[in-house]
């Protein structure tokens, strides 16, 4: 899945974009979990909508993670 040797052979731009992709994956994952589990949110959303949005963000984070970790054979 993750090969350190391939990571070291990437250009600095590719490494930066890889790390940025991992950071954005983490942001979406944490935001989805916060929406699901934080009950006293300052934003008023009904519980079913809050859970649905949280699950949607977690699924989107998984899709982004899959795209970042997929080997790019260009």
PDB file of N, CA and C in Angstrom:
ATOM      1  N   UNK A   1       0.819  -1.178   0.000  1.00  0.00           N
ATOM      2  CA  UNK A   1       0.000   0.000   0.000  1.00  0.00           C
ATOM      3  C   UNK A   1       0.871   1.253   0.000  1.00  0.00           C
ATOM      4  N   UNK A   2       1.717   1.415   1.017  1.00  0.00           N
ATOM      5  CA  UNK A   2       2.607   2.567   1.074  1.00  0.00           C
ATOM      6  C   UNK A   2       4.036   2.075   1.030  1.00  0.00           C
ATOM      7  N   UNK A   3       4.757   2.512   0.026  1.00  0.00           N
ATOM      8  CA  UNK A   3       6.132   2.085  -0.152  1.00  0.00           C
ATOM      9  C   UNK A   3       7.048   3.289   0.087  1.00  0.00           C
ATOM     10  N   UNK A   4       7.903   3.186   1.101  1.00  0.00           N
ATOM     11  CA  UNK A   4       8.788   4.293   1.453  1.00  0.00           C
ATOM     12  C   UNK A   4       9.753   4.612   0.323  1.00  0.00           C
ATOM     13  N   UNK A   5      10.202   3.586  -0.392  1.00  0.00           N
ATOM     14  CA  UNK A   5      11.156   3.809  -1.488  1.00  0.00           C
ATOM     15  C   UNK A   5      10.493   4.628  -2.612  1.00  0.00           C
ATOM     16  N   UNK A   6       9.254   4.324  -2.939  1.00  0.00           N
ATOM     17  CA  UNK A   6       8.543   5.089  -3.957  1.00  0.00           C
ATOM     18  C   UNK A   6       8.309   6.514  -3.487  1.00  0.00           C
ATOM     19  N   UNK A   7       8.003   6.679  -2.185  1.00  0.00           N
ATOM     20  CA  UNK A   7       7.781   8.019  -1.640  1.00  0.00           C
ATOM     21  C   UNK A   7       9.051   8.860  -1.741  1.00  0.00           C
ATOM     22  N   UNK A   8      10.210   8.266  -1.514  1.00  0.00           N
ATOM     23  CA  UNK A   8      11.464   9.008  -1.582  1.00  0.00           C
ATOM     24  C   UNK A   8      11.839   9.362  -3.016  1.00  0.00           C
ATOM     25  N   UNK A   9      11.350   8.624  -3.993  1.00  0.00           N
ATOM     26  CA  UNK A   9      11.692   8.885  -5.387  1.00  0.00           C
ATOM     27  C   UNK A   9      10.806   9.970  -6.005  1.00  0.00           C
ATOM     28  N   UNK A  10       9.746  10.387  -5.313  1.00  0.00           N
ATOM     29  CA  UNK A  10       8.856  11.401  -5.863  1.00  0.00           C
ATOM     30  C   UNK A  10       9.520  12.766  -5.831  1.00  0.00           C
ATOM     31  N   UNK A  11       9.055  13.616  -6.722  1.00  0.00           N
ATOM     32  CA  UNK A  11       9.559  14.987  -6.730  1.00  0.00           C
ATOM     33  C   UNK A  11       9.008  15.723  -5.504  1.00  0.00           C
ATOM     34  N   UNK A  12       9.610  16.840  -5.135  1.00  0.00           N
ATOM     35  CA  UNK A  12       9.094  17.597  -3.982  1.00  0.00           C
ATOM     36  C   UNK A  12       7.642  18.028  -4.156  1.00  0.00           C
ATOM     37  N   UNK A  13       7.259  18.351  -5.373  1.00  0.00           N
ATOM     38  CA  UNK A  13       5.867  18.743  -5.619  1.00  0.00           C
ATOM     39  C   UNK A  13       4.927  17.560  -5.374  1.00  0.00           C
ATOM     40  N   UNK A  14       5.287  16.379  -5.844  1.00  0.00           N
ATOM     41  CA  UNK A  14       4.452  15.200  -5.634  1.00  0.00           C
ATOM     42  C   UNK A  14       4.376  14.843  -4.152  1.00  0.00           C
ATOM     43  N   UNK A  15       5.476  14.973  -3.430  1.00  0.00           N
ATOM     44  CA  UNK A  15       5.465  14.698  -1.989  1.00  0.00           C
ATOM     45  C   UNK A  15       4.581  15.694  -1.256  1.00  0.00           C
ATOM     46  N   UNK A  16       4.664  16.972  -1.633  1.00  0.00           N
ATOM     47  CA  UNK A  16       3.821  17.987  -1.015  1.00  0.00           C
ATOM     48  C   UNK A  16       2.348  17.693  -1.261  1.00  0.00           C
ATOM     49  N   UNK A  17       1.999  17.352  -2.481  1.00  0.00           N
ATOM     50  CA  UNK A  17       0.599  17.052  -2.796  1.00  0.00           C
ATOM     51  C   UNK A  17       0.127  15.793  -2.081  1.00  0.00           C
ATOM     52  N   UNK A  18       1.007  14.811  -1.911  1.00  0.00           N
ATOM     53  CA  UNK A  18       0.668  13.612  -1.165  1.00  0.00           C
ATOM     54  C   UNK A  18       0.363  13.946   0.290  1.00  0.00           C
ATOM     55  N   UNK A  19       1.233  14.743   0.909  1.00  0.00           N
ATOM     56  CA  UNK A  19       1.023  15.128   2.304  1.00  0.00           C
ATOM     57  C   UNK A  19      -0.210  16.007   2.443  1.00  0.00           C
ATOM     58  N   UNK A  20      -0.433  16.909   1.495  1.00  0.00           N
ATOM     59  CA  UNK A  20      -1.637  17.735   1.514  1.00  0.00           C
ATOM     60  C   UNK A  20      -2.893  16.874   1.394  1.00  0.00           C
ATOM     61  N   UNK A  21      -2.839  15.848   0.562  1.00  0.00           N
ATOM     62  CA  UNK A  21      -3.967  14.928   0.442  1.00  0.00           C
ATOM     63  C   UNK A  21      -4.249  14.193   1.743  1.00  0.00           C
ATOM     64  N   UNK A  22      -3.193  13.784   2.445  1.00  0.00           N
ATOM     65  CA  UNK A  22      -3.386  13.128   3.744  1.00  0.00           C
ATOM     66  C   UNK A  22      -3.956  14.091   4.780  1.00  0.00           C
ATOM     67  N   UNK A  23      -3.507  15.341   4.737  1.00  0.00           N
ATOM     68  CA  UNK A  23      -4.033  16.337   5.676  1.00  0.00           C
ATOM     69  C   UNK A  23      -5.516  16.588   5.408  1.00  0.00           C
ATOM     70  N   UNK A  24      -5.892  16.711   4.150  1.00  0.00           N
ATOM     71  CA  UNK A  24      -7.296  16.951   3.820  1.00  0.00           C
ATOM     72  C   UNK A  24      -8.159  15.743   4.175  1.00  0.00           C
ATOM     73  N   UNK A  25      -7.629  14.531   3.996  1.00  0.00           N
ATOM     74  CA  UNK A  25      -8.339  13.335   4.431  1.00  0.00           C
ATOM     75  C   UNK A  25      -8.612  13.404   5.924  1.00  0.00           C
ATOM     76  N   UNK A  26      -7.603  13.791   6.694  1.00  0.00           N
ATOM     77  CA  UNK A  26      -7.752  13.885   8.146  1.00  0.00           C
ATOM     78  C   UNK A  26      -8.767  14.961   8.525  1.00  0.00           C
ATOM     79  N   UNK A  27      -8.752  16.083   7.826  1.00  0.00           N
ATOM     80  CA  UNK A  27      -9.699  17.165   8.114  1.00  0.00           C
ATOM     81  C   UNK A  27     -11.129  16.704   7.878  1.00  0.00           C
ATOM     82  N   UNK A  28     -11.396  16.054   6.746  1.00  0.00           N
ATOM     83  CA  UNK A  28     -12.746  15.591   6.453  1.00  0.00           C
ATOM     84  C   UNK A  28     -13.193  14.514   7.441  1.00  0.00           C
ATOM     85  N   UNK A  29     -12.289  13.626   7.810  1.00  0.00           N
ATOM     86  CA  UNK A  29     -12.622  12.575   8.768  1.00  0.00           C
ATOM     87  C   UNK A  29     -12.972  13.168  10.133  1.00  0.00           C
ATOM     88  N   UNK A  30     -12.155  14.091  10.610  1.00  0.00           N
ATOM     89  CA  UNK A  30     -12.409  14.708  11.913  1.00  0.00           C
ATOM     90  C   UNK A  30     -13.688  15.548  11.880  1.00  0.00           C
ATOM     91  N   UNK A  31     -13.921  16.279  10.798  1.00  0.00           N
ATOM     92  CA  UNK A  31     -15.133  17.074  10.683  1.00  0.00           C
ATOM     93  C   UNK A  31     -16.374  16.190  10.697  1.00  0.00           C
ATOM     94  N   UNK A  32     -16.320  15.051  10.001  1.00  0.00           N
ATOM     95  CA  UNK A  32     -17.445  14.124  10.021  1.00  0.00           C
ATOM     96  C   UNK A  32     -17.694  13.558  11.406  1.00  0.00           C
ATOM     97  N   UNK A  33     -16.629  13.196  12.115  1.00  0.00           N
ATOM     98  CA  UNK A  33     -16.783  12.670  13.466  1.00  0.00           C
ATOM     99  C   UNK A  33     -17.298  13.731  14.434  1.00  0.00           C
ATOM    100  N   UNK A  34     -16.841  14.964  14.269  1.00  0.00           N
ATOM    101  CA  UNK A  34     -17.326  16.054  15.121  1.00  0.00           C
ATOM    102  C   UNK A  34     -18.813  16.277  14.894  1.00  0.00           C
ATOM    103  N   UNK A  35     -19.239  16.261  13.645  1.00  0.00           N
ATOM    104  CA  UNK A  35     -20.661  16.452  13.361  1.00  0.00           C
ATOM    105  C   UNK A  35     -21.516  15.353  13.980  1.00  0.00           C
ATOM    106  N   UNK A  36     -21.012  14.145  14.016  1.00  0.00           N
ATOM    107  CA  UNK A  36     -21.795  13.038  14.557  1.00  0.00           C
ATOM    108  C   UNK A  36     -21.826  13.066  16.078  1.00  0.00           C
ATOM    109  N   UNK A  37     -20.691  13.300  16.713  1.00  0.00           N
ATOM    110  CA  UNK A  37     -20.598  13.084  18.154  1.00  0.00           C
ATOM    111  C   UNK A  37     -20.709  14.341  19.015  1.00  0.00           C
ATOM    112  N   UNK A  38     -20.559  15.532  18.452  1.00  0.00           N
ATOM    113  CA  UNK A  38     -20.637  16.745  19.259  1.00  0.00           C
ATOM    114  C   UNK A  38     -22.097  17.155  19.375  1.00  0.00           C
ATOM    115  N   UNK A  39     -22.673  17.011  20.569  1.00  0.00           N
ATOM    116  CA  UNK A  39     -24.107  17.250  20.740  1.00  0.00           C
ATOM    117  C   UNK A  39     -24.447  18.721  20.943  1.00  0.00           C
ATOM    118  N   UNK A  40     -23.554  19.509  21.534  1.00  0.00           N
ATOM    119  CA  UNK A  40     -23.840  20.922  21.803  1.00  0.00           C
ATOM    120  C   UNK A  40     -23.167  21.824  20.776  1.00  0.00           C
ATOM    121  N   UNK A  41     -23.394  21.517  19.508  1.00  0.00           N
ATOM    122  CA  UNK A  41     -22.792  22.306  18.438  1.00  0.00           C
ATOM    123  C   UNK A  41     -23.425  23.691  18.375  1.00  0.00           C
ATOM    124  N   UNK A  42     -22.650  24.723  18.058  1.00  0.00           N
ATOM    125  CA  UNK A  42     -23.245  26.056  17.917  1.00  0.00           C
ATOM    126  C   UNK A  42     -24.168  26.157  16.694  1.00  0.00           C
ATOM    127  N   UNK A  43     -23.989  25.271  15.735  1.00  0.00           N
ATOM    128  CA  UNK A  43     -24.850  25.258  14.552  1.00  0.00           C
ATOM    129  C   UNK A  43     -26.034  24.346  14.840  1.00  0.00           C
ATOM    130  N   UNK A  44     -27.232  24.837  14.614  1.00  0.00           N
ATOM    131  CA  UNK A  44     -28.414  24.031  14.915  1.00  0.00           C
ATOM    132  C   UNK A  44     -28.793  23.187  13.703  1.00  0.00           C
ATOM    133  N   UNK A  45     -28.627  21.909  13.845  1.00  0.00           N
ATOM    134  CA  UNK A  45     -29.041  20.934  12.844  1.00  0.00           C
ATOM    135  C   UNK A  45     -29.798  19.829  13.566  1.00  0.00           C
ATOM    136  N   UNK A  46     -30.830  19.330  12.936  1.00  0.00           N
ATOM    137  CA  UNK A  46     -31.519  18.186  13.525  1.00  0.00           C
ATOM    138  C   UNK A  46     -30.574  16.996  13.533  1.00  0.00           C
ATOM    139  N   UNK A  47     -30.784  16.099  14.498  1.00  0.00           N
ATOM    140  CA  UNK A  47     -29.866  14.973  14.675  1.00  0.00           C
ATOM    141  C   UNK A  47     -29.755  14.086  13.433  1.00  0.00           C
ATOM    142  N   UNK A  48     -30.863  13.726  12.752  1.00  0.00           N
ATOM    143  CA  UNK A  48     -30.693  12.873  11.551  1.00  0.00           C
ATOM    144  C   UNK A  48     -29.884  13.541  10.441  1.00  0.00           C
ATOM    145  N   UNK A  49     -30.080  14.858  10.263  1.00  0.00           N
ATOM    146  CA  UNK A  49     -29.320  15.565   9.233  1.00  0.00           C
ATOM    147  C   UNK A  49     -27.846  15.683   9.608  1.00  0.00           C
ATOM    148  N   UNK A  50     -27.589  15.902  10.898  1.00  0.00           N
ATOM    149  CA  UNK A  50     -26.219  16.001  11.380  1.00  0.00           C
ATOM    150  C   UNK A  50     -25.483  14.682  11.180  1.00  0.00           C
ATOM    151  N   UNK A  51     -26.156  13.565  11.504  1.00  0.00           N
ATOM    152  CA  UNK A  51     -25.539  12.247  11.325  1.00  0.00           C
ATOM    153  C   UNK A  51     -25.329  11.939   9.843  1.00  0.00           C
ATOM    154  N   UNK A  52     -26.322  12.281   9.021  1.00  0.00           N
ATOM    155  CA  UNK A  52     -26.196  12.031   7.579  1.00  0.00           C
ATOM    156  C   UNK A  52     -25.038  12.825   6.975  1.00  0.00           C
ATOM    157  N   UNK A  53     -24.911  14.089   7.370  1.00  0.00           N
ATOM    158  CA  UNK A  53     -23.806  14.903   6.861  1.00  0.00           C
ATOM    159  C   UNK A  53     -22.462  14.372   7.350  1.00  0.00           C
ATOM    160  N   UNK A  54     -22.419  13.936   8.613  1.00  0.00           N
ATOM    161  CA  UNK A  54     -21.183  13.362   9.148  1.00  0.00           C
ATOM    162  C   UNK A  54     -20.773  12.099   8.419  1.00  0.00           C
ATOM    163  N   UNK A  55     -21.735  11.226   8.159  1.00  0.00           N
ATOM    164  CA  UNK A  55     -21.442   9.985   7.428  1.00  0.00           C
ATOM    165  C   UNK A  55     -21.001  10.301   6.001  1.00  0.00           C
ATOM    166  N   UNK A  56     -21.644  11.270   5.387  1.00  0.00           N
ATOM    167  CA  UNK A  56     -21.265  11.677   4.027  1.00  0.00           C
ATOM    168  C   UNK A  56     -19.824  12.197   3.997  1.00  0.00           C
ATOM    169  N   UNK A  57     -19.436  12.986   4.990  1.00  0.00           N
ATOM    170  CA  UNK A  57     -18.065  13.481   5.042  1.00  0.00           C
ATOM    171  C   UNK A  57     -17.062  12.352   5.284  1.00  0.00           C
ATOM    172  N   UNK A  58     -17.432  11.370   6.101  1.00  0.00           N
ATOM    173  CA  UNK A  58     -16.536  10.240   6.353  1.00  0.00           C
ATOM    174  C   UNK A  58     -16.373   9.396   5.089  1.00  0.00           C
ATOM    175  N   UNK A  59     -17.444   9.193   4.351  1.00  0.00           N
ATOM    176  CA  UNK A  59     -17.360   8.441   3.090  1.00  0.00           C
ATOM    177  C   UNK A  59     -16.495   9.207   2.083  1.00  0.00           C
ATOM    178  N   UNK A  60     -16.673  10.530   2.033  1.00  0.00           N
ATOM    179  CA  UNK A  60     -15.848  11.333   1.131  1.00  0.00           C
ATOM    180  C   UNK A  60     -14.372  11.278   1.529  1.00  0.00           C
ATOM    181  N   UNK A  61     -14.113  11.264   2.830  1.00  0.00           N
ATOM    182  CA  UNK A  61     -12.735  11.135   3.312  1.00  0.00           C
ATOM    183  C   UNK A  61     -12.141   9.795   2.889  1.00  0.00           C
ATOM    184  N   UNK A  62     -12.941   8.730   2.951  1.00  0.00           N
ATOM    185  CA  UNK A  62     -12.455   7.411   2.535  1.00  0.00           C
ATOM    186  C   UNK A  62     -12.147   7.392   1.038  1.00  0.00           C
ATOM    187  N   UNK A  63     -12.977   8.048   0.250  1.00  0.00           N
ATOM    188  CA  UNK A  63     -12.735   8.112  -1.198  1.00  0.00           C
ATOM    189  C   UNK A  63     -11.436   8.886  -1.475  1.00  0.00           C
ATOM    190  N   UNK A  64     -11.241  10.007  -0.786  1.00  0.00           N
ATOM    191  CA  UNK A  64     -10.005  10.781  -0.955  1.00  0.00           C
ATOM    192  C   UNK A  64      -8.785   9.972  -0.539  1.00  0.00           C
ATOM    193  N   UNK A  65      -8.899   9.235   0.573  1.00  0.00           N
ATOM    194  CA  UNK A  65      -7.785   8.414   1.036  1.00  0.00           C
ATOM    195  C   UNK A  65      -7.441   7.350  -0.003  1.00  0.00           C
ATOM    196  N   UNK A  66      -8.458   6.744  -0.587  1.00  0.00           N
ATOM    197  CA  UNK A  66      -8.234   5.725  -1.613  1.00  0.00           C
ATOM    198  C   UNK A  66      -7.524   6.328  -2.824  1.00  0.00           C
ATOM    199  N   UNK A  67      -7.900   7.525  -3.223  1.00  0.00           N
ATOM    200  CA  UNK A  67      -7.268   8.170  -4.373  1.00  0.00           C
ATOM    201  C   UNK A  67      -5.831   8.589  -4.082  1.00  0.00           C
ATOM    202  N   UNK A  68      -5.575   9.012  -2.833  1.00  0.00           N
ATOM    203  CA  UNK A  68      -4.206   9.424  -2.468  1.00  0.00           C
ATOM    204  C   UNK A  68      -3.289   8.227  -2.417  1.00  0.00           C
ATOM    205  N   UNK A  69      -3.751   7.118  -1.872  1.00  0.00           N
ATOM    206  CA  UNK A  69      -2.906   5.954  -1.683  1.00  0.00           C
ATOM    207  C   UNK A  69      -2.782   5.086  -2.925  1.00  0.00           C
ATOM    208  N   UNK A  70      -3.641   5.309  -3.911  1.00  0.00           N
ATOM    209  CA  UNK A  70      -3.579   4.523  -5.148  1.00  0.00           C
ATOM    210  C   UNK A  70      -2.294   4.838  -5.906  1.00  0.00           C
ATOM    211  N   UNK A  71      -1.543   3.816  -6.301  1.00  0.00           N
ATOM    212  CA  UNK A  71      -0.313   4.098  -7.061  1.00  0.00           C
ATOM    213  C   UNK A  71      -0.656   4.725  -8.411  1.00  0.00           C
ATOM    214  N   UNK A  72       0.065   5.757  -8.748  1.00  0.00           N
ATOM    215  CA  UNK A  72      -0.162   6.475  -9.982  1.00  0.00           C
ATOM    216  C   UNK A  72       0.883   6.053 -11.006  1.00  0.00           C
ATOM    217  N   UNK A  73       0.498   5.278 -11.991  1.00  0.00           N
ATOM    218  CA  UNK A  73       1.432   4.745 -12.988  1.00  0.00           C
ATOM    219  C   UNK A  73       1.434   5.600 -14.247  1.00  0.00           C
ATOM    220  N   UNK A  74       1.823   6.851 -14.111  1.00  0.00           N
ATOM    221  CA  UNK A  74       1.874   7.734 -15.281  1.00  0.00           C
ATOM    222  C   UNK A  74       3.235   7.653 -15.940  1.00  0.00           C
TER     223      UNK A  74
END
